[in-house]
C-alpha atoms as a PDB file:
ATOM      1  CA  MET A   1       0.120   0.252  -0.114  1.00  0.00           C
ATOM      2  CA  LEU A   2       1.106   3.205  -0.887  1.00  0.00           C
ATOM      3  CA  LYS A   3       0.086   5.145   2.816  1.00  0.00           C
ATOM      4  CA  ASN A   4       3.538   7.643   2.139  1.00  0.00           C
ATOM      5  CA  VAL A   5       2.861   8.391  -1.414  1.00  0.00           C
ATOM      6  CA  THR A   6       1.304  12.397  -2.055  1.00  0.00           C
ATOM      7  CA  MET A   7      -0.261  12.838  -4.961  1.00  0.00           C
ATOM      8  CA  ASP A   8      -0.700  16.668  -6.734  1.00  0.00           C
ATOM      9  CA  ASN A   9      -2.096  18.137 -10.202  1.00  0.00           C
ATOM     10  CA  GLN A  10      -3.731  21.055 -11.146  1.00  0.00           C
ATOM     11  CA  SER A  11      -7.128  21.677 -12.368  1.00  0.00           C
ATOM     12  CA  SER A  12      -9.187  24.244 -13.815  1.00  0.00           C
ATOM     13  CA  TYR A  13     -13.239  24.865 -12.926  1.00  0.00           C
ATOM     14  CA  LYS A  14     -15.513  27.379 -14.577  1.00  0.00           C
ATOM     15  CA  LYS A  15     -18.439  28.937 -13.638  1.00  0.00           C
ATOM     16  CA  VAL A  16     -20.905  26.551 -15.567  1.00  0.00           C
ATOM     17  CA  LYS A  17     -24.851  26.395 -15.882  1.00  0.00           C
ATOM     18  CA  HIS A  18     -24.555  22.640 -15.416  1.00  0.00           C
ATOM     19  CA  LEU A  19     -22.159  19.919 -16.197  1.00  0.00           C
ATOM     20  CA  GLU A  20     -20.754  18.135 -18.933  1.00  0.00           C
ATOM     21  CA  LYS A  21     -23.121  14.529 -19.263  1.00  0.00           C
ATOM     22  CA  ASP A  22     -20.044  12.724 -18.472  1.00  0.00           C
ATOM     23  CA  GLU A  23     -19.830  14.688 -15.221  1.00  0.00           C
ATOM     24  CA  LYS A  24     -23.294  13.643 -14.183  1.00  0.00           C
ATOM     25  CA  LYS A  25     -22.602  10.073 -13.602  1.00  0.00           C
ATOM     26  CA  HIS A  26     -21.851   8.343 -10.332  1.00  0.00           C
ATOM     27  CA  SER A  27     -18.404   6.636 -11.984  1.00  0.00           C
ATOM     28  CA  PRO A  28     -15.759   7.296  -9.918  1.00  0.00           C
ATOM     29  CA  ALA A  29     -13.140   8.095 -12.765  1.00  0.00           C
ATOM     30  CA  LEU A  30     -12.394  11.142 -14.469  1.00  0.00           C
ATOM     31  CA  THR A  31      -9.630  11.382 -16.602  1.00  0.00           C
ATOM     32  CA  THR A  32      -8.193  14.781 -17.408  1.00  0.00           C
ATOM     33  CA  ALA A  33     -10.420  15.777 -20.416  1.00  0.00           C
ATOM     34  CA  HIS A  34     -12.973  16.139 -17.852  1.00  0.00           C
ATOM     35  CA  LYS A  35     -11.452  18.177 -14.998  1.00  0.00           C
ATOM     36  CA  ASP A  36     -11.318  21.007 -17.466  1.00  0.00           C
ATOM     37  CA  LEU A  37     -15.579  22.005 -18.011  1.00  0.00           C
ATOM     38  CA  ARG A  38     -15.303  23.613 -21.082  1.00  0.00           C
ATOM     39  CA  LEU A  39     -18.964  25.580 -20.957  1.00  0.00           C
ATOM     40  CA  SER A  40     -19.277  29.474 -21.307  1.00  0.00           C
ATOM     41  CA  GLY A  41     -18.104  31.538 -18.075  1.00  0.00           C
ATOM     42  CA  GLY A  42     -15.090  32.257 -16.443  1.00  0.00           C
ATOM     43  CA  SER A  43     -12.912  29.661 -14.770  1.00  0.00           C
ATOM     44  CA  VAL A  44     -10.610  29.613 -11.653  1.00  0.00           C
ATOM     45  CA  MET A  45      -7.624  27.427 -11.718  1.00  0.00           C
ATOM     46  CA  ILE A  46      -6.327  25.582  -8.737  1.00  0.00           C
ATOM     47  CA  TRP A  47      -3.527  23.248  -7.466  1.00  0.00           C
ATOM     48  CA  ALA A  48      -3.724  20.456  -4.410  1.00  0.00           C
ATOM     49  CA  SER A  49      -2.532  17.572  -3.272  1.00  0.00           C
ATOM     50  CA  PHE A  50      -3.519  14.394  -0.944  1.00  0.00           C
ATOM     51  CA  GLY A  51      -1.832  11.164   0.417  1.00  0.00           C
ATOM     52  CA  TRP A  52      -2.989   8.673   3.552  1.00  0.00           C
ATOM     53  CA  GLY A  53      -3.116  11.444   6.023  1.00  0.00           C
ATOM     54  CA  GLY A  54      -5.121  14.379   4.942  1.00  0.00           C
ATOM     55  CA  LYS A  55      -5.025  16.586   1.726  1.00  0.00           C
ATOM     56  CA  SER A  56      -3.657  20.070   1.237  1.00  0.00           C
ATOM     57  CA  SER A  57      -5.865  23.382   1.387  1.00  0.00           C
ATOM     58  CA  ILE A  58      -6.438  24.569  -2.039  1.00  0.00           C
ATOM     59  CA  CYS A  59      -4.080  26.957  -3.965  1.00  0.00           C
ATOM     60  CA  PHE A  60      -5.952  29.591  -6.451  1.00  0.00           C
ATOM     61  CA  VAL A  61      -4.047  29.911  -9.295  1.00  0.00           C
ATOM     62  CA  ASP A  62      -3.530  33.030 -11.113  1.00  0.00           C
ATOM     63  CA  GLY A  63      -3.293  32.532 -15.040  1.00  0.00           C
ATOM     64  CA  ARG A  64      -1.554  29.779 -16.811  1.00  0.00           C
ATOM     65  CA  MET A  65       0.939  27.796 -14.507  1.00  0.00           C
ATOM     66  CA  ASN A  66       4.402  27.613 -15.869  1.00  0.00           C
ATOM     67  CA  ALA A  67       7.331  25.600 -14.435  1.00  0.00           C
ATOM     68  CA  LYS A  68       8.243  29.125 -11.681  1.00  0.00           C
ATOM     69  CA  GLY A  69       4.587  29.237 -10.895  1.00  0.00           C
ATOM     70  CA  TYR A  70       4.707  25.583 -10.301  1.00  0.00           C
ATOM     71  CA  ARG A  71       7.966  25.501  -7.916  1.00  0.00           C
ATOM     72  CA  GLU A  72       6.211  28.672  -6.034  1.00  0.00           C
ATOM     73  CA  VAL A  73       3.055  26.848  -5.221  1.00  0.00           C
ATOM     74  CA  LEU A  74       4.795  23.755  -3.930  1.00  0.00           C
ATOM     75  CA  LYS A  75       7.365  25.798  -1.508  1.00  0.00           C
ATOM     76  CA  LYS A  76       4.436  27.585   0.012  1.00  0.00           C
ATOM     77  CA  HIS A  77       1.537  24.757  -0.153  1.00  0.00           C
ATOM     78  CA  LEU A  78       3.985  21.409  -0.096  1.00  0.00           C
ATOM     79  CA  ILE A  79       6.707  21.508   2.608  1.00  0.00           C
ATOM     80  CA  ASP A  80       5.383  21.755   5.182  1.00  0.00           C
ATOM     81  CA  ILE A  81       2.110  19.252   4.385  1.00  0.00           C
ATOM     82  CA  GLY A  82       4.453  16.479   2.797  1.00  0.00           C
ATOM     83  CA  SER A  83       5.155  14.372   5.788  1.00  0.00           C
ATOM     84  CA  CYS A  84       1.527  14.711   7.811  1.00  0.00           C
ATOM     85  CA  MET A  85       0.254  13.642   4.429  1.00  0.00           C
ATOM     86  CA  GLY A  86       2.341  10.920   3.848  1.00  0.00           C
ATOM     87  CA  GLY A  87       4.499  10.041   6.741  1.00  0.00           C
ATOM     88  CA  SER A  88       7.936  10.788   7.636  1.00  0.00           C
ATOM     89  CA  ASP A  89       9.545   9.096   4.172  1.00  0.00           C
ATOM     90  CA  TRP A  90       6.768  10.359   2.146  1.00  0.00           C
ATOM     91  CA  ILE A  91       7.319  10.248  -1.754  1.00  0.00           C
ATOM     92  CA  PHE A  92       5.718  12.833  -4.223  1.00  0.00           C
ATOM     93  CA  GLN A  93       3.708  11.502  -7.215  1.00  0.00           C
ATOM     94  CA  GLN A  94       2.974  13.790 -10.158  1.00  0.00           C
ATOM     95  CA  ASP A  95       2.277  13.513 -14.154  1.00  0.00           C
ATOM     96  CA  ASN A  96       4.805  13.979 -16.664  1.00  0.00           C
ATOM     97  CA  ALA A  97       3.057  17.303 -17.766  1.00  0.00           C
ATOM     98  CA  PRO A  98       5.720  19.970 -18.655  1.00  0.00           C
ATOM     99  CA  ILE A  99       6.222  22.174 -15.580  1.00  0.00           C
ATOM    100  CA  HIS A 100       6.422  19.173 -13.752  1.00  0.00           C
ATOM    101  CA  ARG A 101       9.510  17.556 -15.518  1.00  0.00           C
ATOM    102  CA  ALA A 102      11.110  20.819 -15.276  1.00  0.00           C
ATOM    103  CA  LYS A 103      14.870  20.234 -15.471  1.00  0.00           C
ATOM    104  CA  VAL A 104      14.760  23.510 -12.795  1.00  0.00           C
ATOM    105  CA  ASN A 105      11.940  21.682 -10.710  1.00  0.00           C
ATOM    106  CA  LEU A 106      13.399  18.250 -10.635  1.00  0.00           C
ATOM    107  CA  ALA A 107      16.425  19.751  -9.319  1.00  0.00           C
ATOM    108  CA  TRP A 108      14.453  22.094  -6.642  1.00  0.00           C
ATOM    109  CA  PHE A 109      12.779  18.286  -5.466  1.00  0.00           C
ATOM    110  CA  LYS A 110      16.784  17.244  -5.588  1.00  0.00           C
ATOM    111  CA  SER A 111      17.853  19.905  -3.436  1.00  0.00           C
ATOM    112  CA  LYS A 112      14.642  19.893  -0.709  1.00  0.00           C
ATOM    113  CA  LYS A 113      15.336  16.101  -0.575  1.00  0.00           C
ATOM    114  CA  ILE A 114      11.918  15.198  -2.009  1.00  0.00           C
ATOM    115  CA  ASN A 115      11.404  12.117  -3.219  1.00  0.00           C
ATOM    116  CA  VAL A 116       9.391  11.641  -6.699  1.00  0.00           C
ATOM    117  CA  LEU A 117       8.180   8.405  -7.813  1.00  0.00           C
ATOM    118  CA  PRO A 118       8.810   7.750 -11.212  1.00  0.00           C
ATOM    119  CA  TRP A 119       5.805   8.553 -13.378  1.00  0.00           C
ATOM    120  CA  PRO A 120       5.487   6.958 -16.894  1.00  0.00           C
ATOM    121  CA  SER A 121       4.729   8.484 -20.241  1.00  0.00           C
ATOM    122  CA  LEU A 122       1.180   8.426 -21.257  1.00  0.00           C
ATOM    123  CA  SER A 123      -0.509   6.817 -18.189  1.00  0.00           C
ATOM    124  CA  PRO A 124      -3.392   9.320 -16.746  1.00  0.00           C
ATOM    125  CA  ASP A 125      -4.512   6.435 -15.911  1.00  0.00           C
ATOM    126  CA  LEU A 126      -2.538   5.921 -13.015  1.00  0.00           C
ATOM    127  CA  ASN A 127      -2.830   9.116 -11.169  1.00  0.00           C
ATOM    128  CA  PRO A 128      -6.099   9.413  -8.712  1.00  0.00           C
ATOM    129  CA  ILE A 129      -5.820  12.741  -7.834  1.00  0.00           C
ATOM    130  CA  GLU A 130      -7.820  12.755 -11.242  1.00  0.00           C
ATOM    131  CA  ASN A 131     -10.804  11.223  -9.581  1.00  0.00           C
ATOM    132  CA  LEU A 132     -10.162  13.604  -6.529  1.00  0.00           C
ATOM    133  CA  TRP A 133     -11.275  16.443  -9.351  1.00  0.00           C
ATOM    134  CA  GLY A 134     -13.893  14.435 -10.098  1.00  0.00           C
ATOM    135  CA  ILE A 135     -15.106  14.165  -6.596  1.00  0.00           C
ATOM    136  CA  LEU A 136     -14.759  17.977  -5.848  1.00  0.00           C
ATOM    137  CA  ALA A 137     -16.238  18.792  -9.278  1.00  0.00           C
ATOM    138  CA  ARG A 138     -19.845  16.855  -8.743  1.00  0.00           C
ATOM    139  CA  LYS A 139     -20.106  18.537  -4.862  1.00  0.00           C
ATOM    140  CA  VAL A 140     -18.763  21.715  -6.271  1.00  0.00           C
ATOM    141  CA  TYR A 141     -21.607  21.481  -8.950  1.00  0.00           C
ATOM    142  CA  SER A 142     -24.126  19.468  -7.270  1.00  0.00           C
ATOM    143  CA  GLY A 143     -27.986  20.210  -7.837  1.00  0.00           C
ATOM    144  CA  GLY A 144     -27.104  22.051 -11.173  1.00  0.00           C
ATOM    145  CA  LYS A 145     -25.490  25.157  -9.015  1.00  0.00           C
ATOM    146  CA  GLN A 146     -24.621  28.372 -10.793  1.00  0.00           C
ATOM    147  CA  PHE A 147     -22.254  30.654 -10.430  1.00  0.00           C
ATOM    148  CA  ARG A 148     -22.232  34.428 -10.612  1.00  0.00           C
ATOM    149  CA  THR A 149     -18.852  35.468  -9.647  1.00  0.00           C
ATOM    150  CA  LYS A 150     -15.314  33.648  -9.793  1.00  0.00           C
ATOM    151  CA  GLU A 151     -15.454  34.743  -5.658  1.00  0.00           C
ATOM    152  CA  GLN A 152     -18.937  32.531  -5.401  1.00  0.00           C
ATOM    153  CA  LEU A 153     -17.095  29.836  -7.276  1.00  0.00           C
ATOM    154  CA  LYS A 154     -13.981  29.763  -5.166  1.00  0.00           C
ATOM    155  CA  THR A 155     -15.980  29.857  -1.683  1.00  0.00           C
ATOM    156  CA  THR A 156     -17.903  26.933  -2.923  1.00  0.00           C
ATOM    157  CA  ILE A 157     -14.630  25.361  -3.777  1.00  0.00           C
ATOM    158  CA  ILE A 158     -12.921  25.431  -0.652  1.00  0.00           C
ATOM    159  CA  LYS A 159     -16.501  24.763   1.083  1.00  0.00           C
ATOM    160  CA  SER A 160     -16.454  21.401  -0.748  1.00  0.00           C
ATOM    161  CA  TRP A 161     -12.848  20.258  -0.427  1.00  0.00           C
ATOM    162  CA  GLU A 162     -13.194  20.837   2.919  1.00  0.00           C
ATOM    163  CA  GLU A 163     -16.327  18.316   3.188  1.00  0.00           C
ATOM    164  CA  ILE A 164     -13.753  15.251   1.205  1.00  0.00           C
ATOM    165  CA  SER A 165     -13.299  12.711   4.248  1.00  0.00           C
ATOM    166  CA  ILE A 166     -10.209  11.359   4.781  1.00  0.00           C
ATOM    167  CA  GLU A 167     -11.707   7.735   3.612  1.00  0.00           C
ATOM    168  CA  GLN A 168     -12.384   8.984   0.675  1.00  0.00           C
ATOM    169  CA  LEU A 169      -8.738   9.869   0.045  1.00  0.00           C
ATOM    170  CA  ARG A 170      -7.555   6.629   1.695  1.00  0.00           C
ATOM    171  CA  ALA A 171      -9.975   4.687  -0.893  1.00  0.00           C
ATOM    172  CA  LEU A 172      -7.915   6.636  -3.771  1.00  0.00           C
ATOM    173  CA  VAL A 173      -4.335   5.806  -2.193  1.00  0.00           C
ATOM    174  CA  LYS A 174      -5.554   2.091  -1.675  1.00  0.00           C
ATOM    175  CA  SER A 175      -6.491   1.857  -5.491  1.00  0.00           C
ATOM    176  CA  MET A 176      -3.020   2.160  -6.344  1.00  0.00           C
ATOM    177  CA  PRO A 177      -1.828  -1.332  -6.593  1.00  0.00           C
ATOM    178  CA  GLU A 178      -5.051  -2.070  -8.475  1.00  0.00           C
ATOM    179  CA  ARG A 179      -4.446   0.760 -11.316  1.00  0.00           C
ATOM    180  CA  ILE A 180      -0.703  -0.005 -11.575  1.00  0.00           C
ATOM    181  CA  PHE A 181      -2.226  -4.021 -12.254  1.00  0.00           C
ATOM    182  CA  GLU A 182      -4.724  -2.674 -14.746  1.00  0.00           C
ATOM    183  CA  VAL A 183      -2.217  -0.959 -16.764  1.00  0.00           C
ATOM    184  CA  ILE A 184       0.220  -3.533 -16.998  1.00  0.00           C
ATOM    185  CA  LYS A 185      -2.601  -6.035 -17.667  1.00  0.00           C
ATOM    186  CA  LEU A 186      -3.642  -4.318 -20.547  1.00  0.00           C
ATOM    187  CA  ASN A 187      -0.041  -2.968 -21.842  1.00  0.00           C
ATOM    188  CA  GLY A 188      -0.996   0.788 -21.466  1.00  0.00           C
ATOM    189  CA  ALA A 189      -4.305   0.952 -22.905  1.00  0.00           C
ATOM    190  CA  LYS A 190      -7.457   2.728 -21.123  1.00  0.00           C
ATOM    191  CA  THR A 191      -8.162   1.190 -17.485  1.00  0.00           C
ATOM    192  CA  LYS A 192     -11.770   1.589 -15.337  1.00  0.00           C
ATOM    193  CA  TYR A 193     -10.074   4.324 -14.005  1.00  0.00           C
END
């Protein structure tokens, strides 16, 4: 079991009138294509991470994230809580997004003695934070909620994030061995996750 792994990612949420069809399903798995809701209205980008022991606070990101901005978010929101979420010998999990793999960021992880889990290319089905974004989106937009301002949306995102239980987080962490098995079994093809 991966009790000492901390997962991370960023997501974009938009002020929308309704969810996309796939978002309404109770399916526990949402891919990266589902987290960016593409309907009218403004949007906010957020970053967060979680592990066996809990979750970070939500970080609202202004504009597009680049390698430097990503490192700044990690400095502010990851360093102090990593061991609380993943234990004393925690490992950081991120995908192969260019900002994650930037040489300057990999050097920063090394300088901070943060172990980064090696990540295979083209494997979005492995990252359980994608499922967490789905849980969050369903809470944010439950009952067909609509938002007139970014501040209303941000307030609802924070409230919904706080409602996510430790049991939900742990179920996602526990799913990692099965996710890995499925990817291997299917030779990297799409899984149920």
